[in-house]
């Protein structure tokens, strides 16, 4: 995959297939440690221990629509190429946590990509799911929580075209300011 936002999209799709109703996406950049961490945590049904031992095998998948599962192995390869690694663990009470570390300045680290469009696709495509996005960088933090957005909207759905367009404009503006 060309960028991290596509890896995130793929991993969140795994969370959604596992029945998650809350997905947390966290990105932390620590320039002084030359470290970037990407974490996806969900409250889905989790990964059974027998399956957990196989999830990094590209020729294993729990899906019946194809014979390979490349998302996690490709994410692991991308992390290892930069001196990082991939960690997968059950979340107490149910769910899964996937975290990858990357060398922040390493030339093989994929770019972040269009995280705003990735978030918008997830939010608009899964209105029944809540998403929390946190990005920490240079001592600053950007946070988006769809539960807060939905409480303001009350009866209006996040899939409403007016709401979706407003979210797109605001998210792109806020993230552009955050990355300055």
Protein backbone atom coordinates (compact mmCIF):
# COMPACT_ATOMS: atom_id res chain seq x y z
CA UNK A 1 0.00 0.00 0.00
CA UNK A 2 1.26 3.43 -0.88
CA UNK A 3 0.52 5.25 2.36
CA UNK A 4 -0.39 4.74 6.00
CA UNK A 5 -3.95 6.01 5.59
CA UNK A 6 -4.66 3.04 3.29
CA UNK A 7 -3.21 0.64 5.88
CA UNK A 8 -5.45 2.29 8.49
CA UNK A 9 -8.49 1.92 6.25
CA UNK A 10 -7.71 -1.78 5.76
CA UNK A 11 -7.19 -2.42 9.47
CA UNK A 12 -10.38 -0.61 10.44
CA UNK A 13 -12.27 -2.76 7.93
CA UNK A 14 -11.03 -5.77 9.94
CA UNK A 15 -12.42 -4.12 13.08
CA UNK A 16 -15.77 -3.55 11.42
CA UNK A 17 -15.96 -7.18 10.22
CA UNK A 18 -15.33 -8.17 13.85
CA UNK A 19 -18.44 -6.24 14.91
CA UNK A 20 -16.70 -3.21 16.44
CA UNK A 21 -18.94 -0.30 17.36
CA UNK A 22 -16.09 1.88 18.65
CA UNK A 23 -12.77 2.18 16.81
CA UNK A 24 -9.90 4.31 18.10
CA UNK A 25 -7.20 5.40 15.67
CA UNK A 26 -4.12 6.98 17.23
CA UNK A 27 -1.03 8.34 15.54
CA UNK A 28 1.88 9.59 17.59
CA UNK A 29 4.94 11.27 16.11
CA UNK A 30 7.95 11.78 18.38
CA UNK A 31 10.62 13.64 16.45
CA UNK A 32 13.19 13.52 19.28
CA UNK A 33 12.88 9.70 19.40
CA UNK A 34 12.59 9.36 15.61
CA UNK A 35 9.42 7.35 16.22
CA UNK A 36 5.97 7.16 14.72
CA UNK A 37 3.32 4.86 16.15
CA UNK A 38 0.04 3.98 14.45
CA UNK A 39 -2.51 2.21 16.63
CA UNK A 40 -6.00 0.88 15.95
CA UNK A 41 -8.00 -0.35 18.92
CA UNK A 42 -11.54 -1.68 18.72
CA UNK A 43 -14.27 -3.24 20.82
CA UNK A 44 -15.08 -6.02 18.34
CA UNK A 45 -15.21 -9.71 19.11
CA UNK A 46 -11.42 -9.98 19.23
CA UNK A 47 -9.12 -12.55 17.69
CA UNK A 48 -9.21 -16.10 19.06
CA UNK A 49 -5.76 -17.28 20.29
CA UNK A 50 -5.53 -19.98 17.59
CA UNK A 51 -6.14 -17.36 14.89
CA UNK A 52 -3.87 -14.76 16.52
CA UNK A 53 -0.93 -17.11 15.94
CA UNK A 54 -1.68 -17.11 12.17
CA UNK A 55 -2.72 -13.52 11.35
CA UNK A 56 0.70 -12.48 10.08
CA UNK A 57 0.84 -15.38 7.62
CA UNK A 58 -0.04 -13.88 4.20
CA UNK A 59 -1.59 -17.19 3.13
CA UNK A 60 -4.03 -17.24 6.03
CA UNK A 61 -7.33 -15.40 6.16
CA UNK A 62 -10.50 -15.91 8.14
CA UNK A 63 -12.49 -14.52 5.19
CA UNK A 64 -14.19 -16.94 2.84
CA UNK A 65 -14.08 -14.62 -0.19
CA UNK A 66 -10.37 -15.11 -0.86
CA UNK A 67 -7.45 -17.29 0.20
CA UNK A 68 -4.96 -14.68 1.31
CA UNK A 69 -4.94 -11.99 3.98
CA UNK A 70 -2.30 -9.41 3.15
CA UNK A 71 -3.31 -6.40 5.26
CA UNK A 72 -1.50 -7.22 8.50
CA UNK A 73 1.58 -8.81 6.85
CA UNK A 74 2.03 -5.78 4.57
CA UNK A 75 1.66 -3.42 7.53
CA UNK A 76 4.27 -5.43 9.43
CA UNK A 77 6.68 -5.33 6.47
CA UNK A 78 6.22 -1.55 6.13
CA UNK A 79 7.02 -1.08 9.82
CA UNK A 80 10.02 -3.43 9.83
CA UNK A 81 11.49 -1.71 6.76
CA UNK A 82 11.95 1.39 8.91
CA UNK A 83 13.34 -0.40 11.98
CA UNK A 84 9.93 -0.70 13.64
CA UNK A 85 7.57 -3.59 14.24
CA UNK A 86 3.94 -4.64 14.52
CA UNK A 87 2.17 -5.69 17.71
CA UNK A 88 -1.23 -7.35 17.98
CA UNK A 89 -2.92 -7.99 21.30
CA UNK A 90 -6.38 -8.69 22.67
CA UNK A 91 -8.08 -5.85 24.52
CA UNK A 92 -9.32 -6.81 27.99
CA UNK A 93 -13.09 -7.12 27.84
CA UNK A 94 -13.12 -7.76 24.09
CA UNK A 95 -11.57 -6.29 21.02
CA UNK A 96 -8.15 -6.03 19.47
CA UNK A 97 -5.25 -3.59 19.54
CA UNK A 98 -2.92 -3.37 16.55
CA UNK A 99 0.06 -1.05 16.89
CA UNK A 100 2.94 -0.47 14.50
CA UNK A 101 6.07 1.54 15.13
CA UNK A 102 8.05 3.22 12.38
CA UNK A 103 11.26 5.15 12.12
CA UNK A 104 9.77 8.62 11.72
CA UNK A 105 12.54 10.00 9.49
CA UNK A 106 13.36 6.72 7.74
CA UNK A 107 13.23 7.04 3.94
CA UNK A 108 11.21 3.82 3.66
CA UNK A 109 8.40 5.01 5.94
CA UNK A 110 5.25 5.39 3.88
CA UNK A 111 3.74 8.89 3.95
CA UNK A 112 0.62 9.41 6.04
CA UNK A 113 -1.52 10.01 2.96
CA UNK A 114 -4.94 11.63 2.93
CA UNK A 115 -6.05 10.82 6.46
CA UNK A 116 -8.94 13.29 6.21
CA UNK A 117 -10.53 11.39 3.30
CA UNK A 118 -9.88 8.07 5.04
CA UNK A 119 -11.67 9.28 8.17
CA UNK A 120 -14.54 10.70 6.14
CA UNK A 121 -14.98 7.43 4.25
CA UNK A 122 -15.08 5.50 7.51
CA UNK A 123 -17.49 7.91 9.22
CA UNK A 124 -19.89 8.29 6.28
CA UNK A 125 -19.72 4.62 5.34
CA UNK A 126 -20.35 3.36 8.88
CA UNK A 127 -22.75 5.76 10.62
CA UNK A 128 -23.60 3.15 13.27
CA UNK A 129 -19.95 3.02 14.41
CA UNK A 130 -18.18 5.61 16.54
CA UNK A 131 -14.64 6.65 15.72
CA UNK A 132 -12.05 8.43 17.80
CA UNK A 133 -9.03 9.82 15.96
CA UNK A 134 -6.05 11.18 17.89
CA UNK A 135 -2.90 12.55 16.36
CA UNK A 136 -0.04 13.71 18.56
CA UNK A 137 2.79 15.66 16.98
CA UNK A 138 5.37 18.17 18.19
CA UNK A 139 3.70 18.48 21.60
CA UNK A 140 0.28 19.16 20.05
CA UNK A 141 -2.78 16.95 19.72
CA UNK A 142 -5.65 16.82 17.26
CA UNK A 143 -8.72 14.86 18.33
CA UNK A 144 -11.95 13.95 16.59
CA UNK A 145 -14.71 11.95 18.30
CA UNK A 146 -17.81 11.11 16.28
CA UNK A 147 -19.83 10.69 19.48
CA UNK A 148 -19.41 14.43 20.07
CA UNK A 149 -20.35 15.22 16.48
CA UNK A 150 -23.44 13.00 16.63
CA UNK A 151 -24.59 14.59 19.90
CA UNK A 152 -24.51 18.03 18.25
CA UNK A 153 -26.31 16.74 15.17
CA UNK A 154 -29.05 15.09 17.27
CA UNK A 155 -31.49 13.67 14.68
CA UNK A 156 -29.44 14.53 11.58
CA UNK A 157 -27.32 11.65 10.27
CA UNK A 158 -23.62 12.01 9.54
CA UNK A 159 -24.44 10.56 6.12
CA UNK A 160 -26.50 13.64 5.25
CA UNK A 161 -24.71 15.24 2.25
CA UNK A 162 -24.71 18.69 3.89
CA UNK A 163 -23.16 17.26 7.06
CA UNK A 164 -20.65 15.15 5.11
CA UNK A 165 -19.52 18.16 3.04
CA UNK A 166 -19.21 20.30 6.16
CA UNK A 167 -17.19 17.57 7.89
CA UNK A 168 -14.91 17.29 4.84
CA UNK A 169 -14.21 21.05 4.77
CA UNK A 170 -13.67 21.32 8.52
CA UNK A 171 -11.54 18.20 8.81
CA UNK A 172 -9.30 19.20 5.91
CA UNK A 173 -8.93 22.73 7.31
CA UNK A 174 -8.24 21.58 10.88
CA UNK A 175 -5.74 18.92 9.81
CA UNK A 176 -3.96 21.35 7.46
CA UNK A 177 -3.60 23.76 10.41
CA UNK A 178 -2.45 20.92 12.67
CA UNK A 179 0.29 19.81 10.25
CA UNK A 180 1.74 23.33 9.80
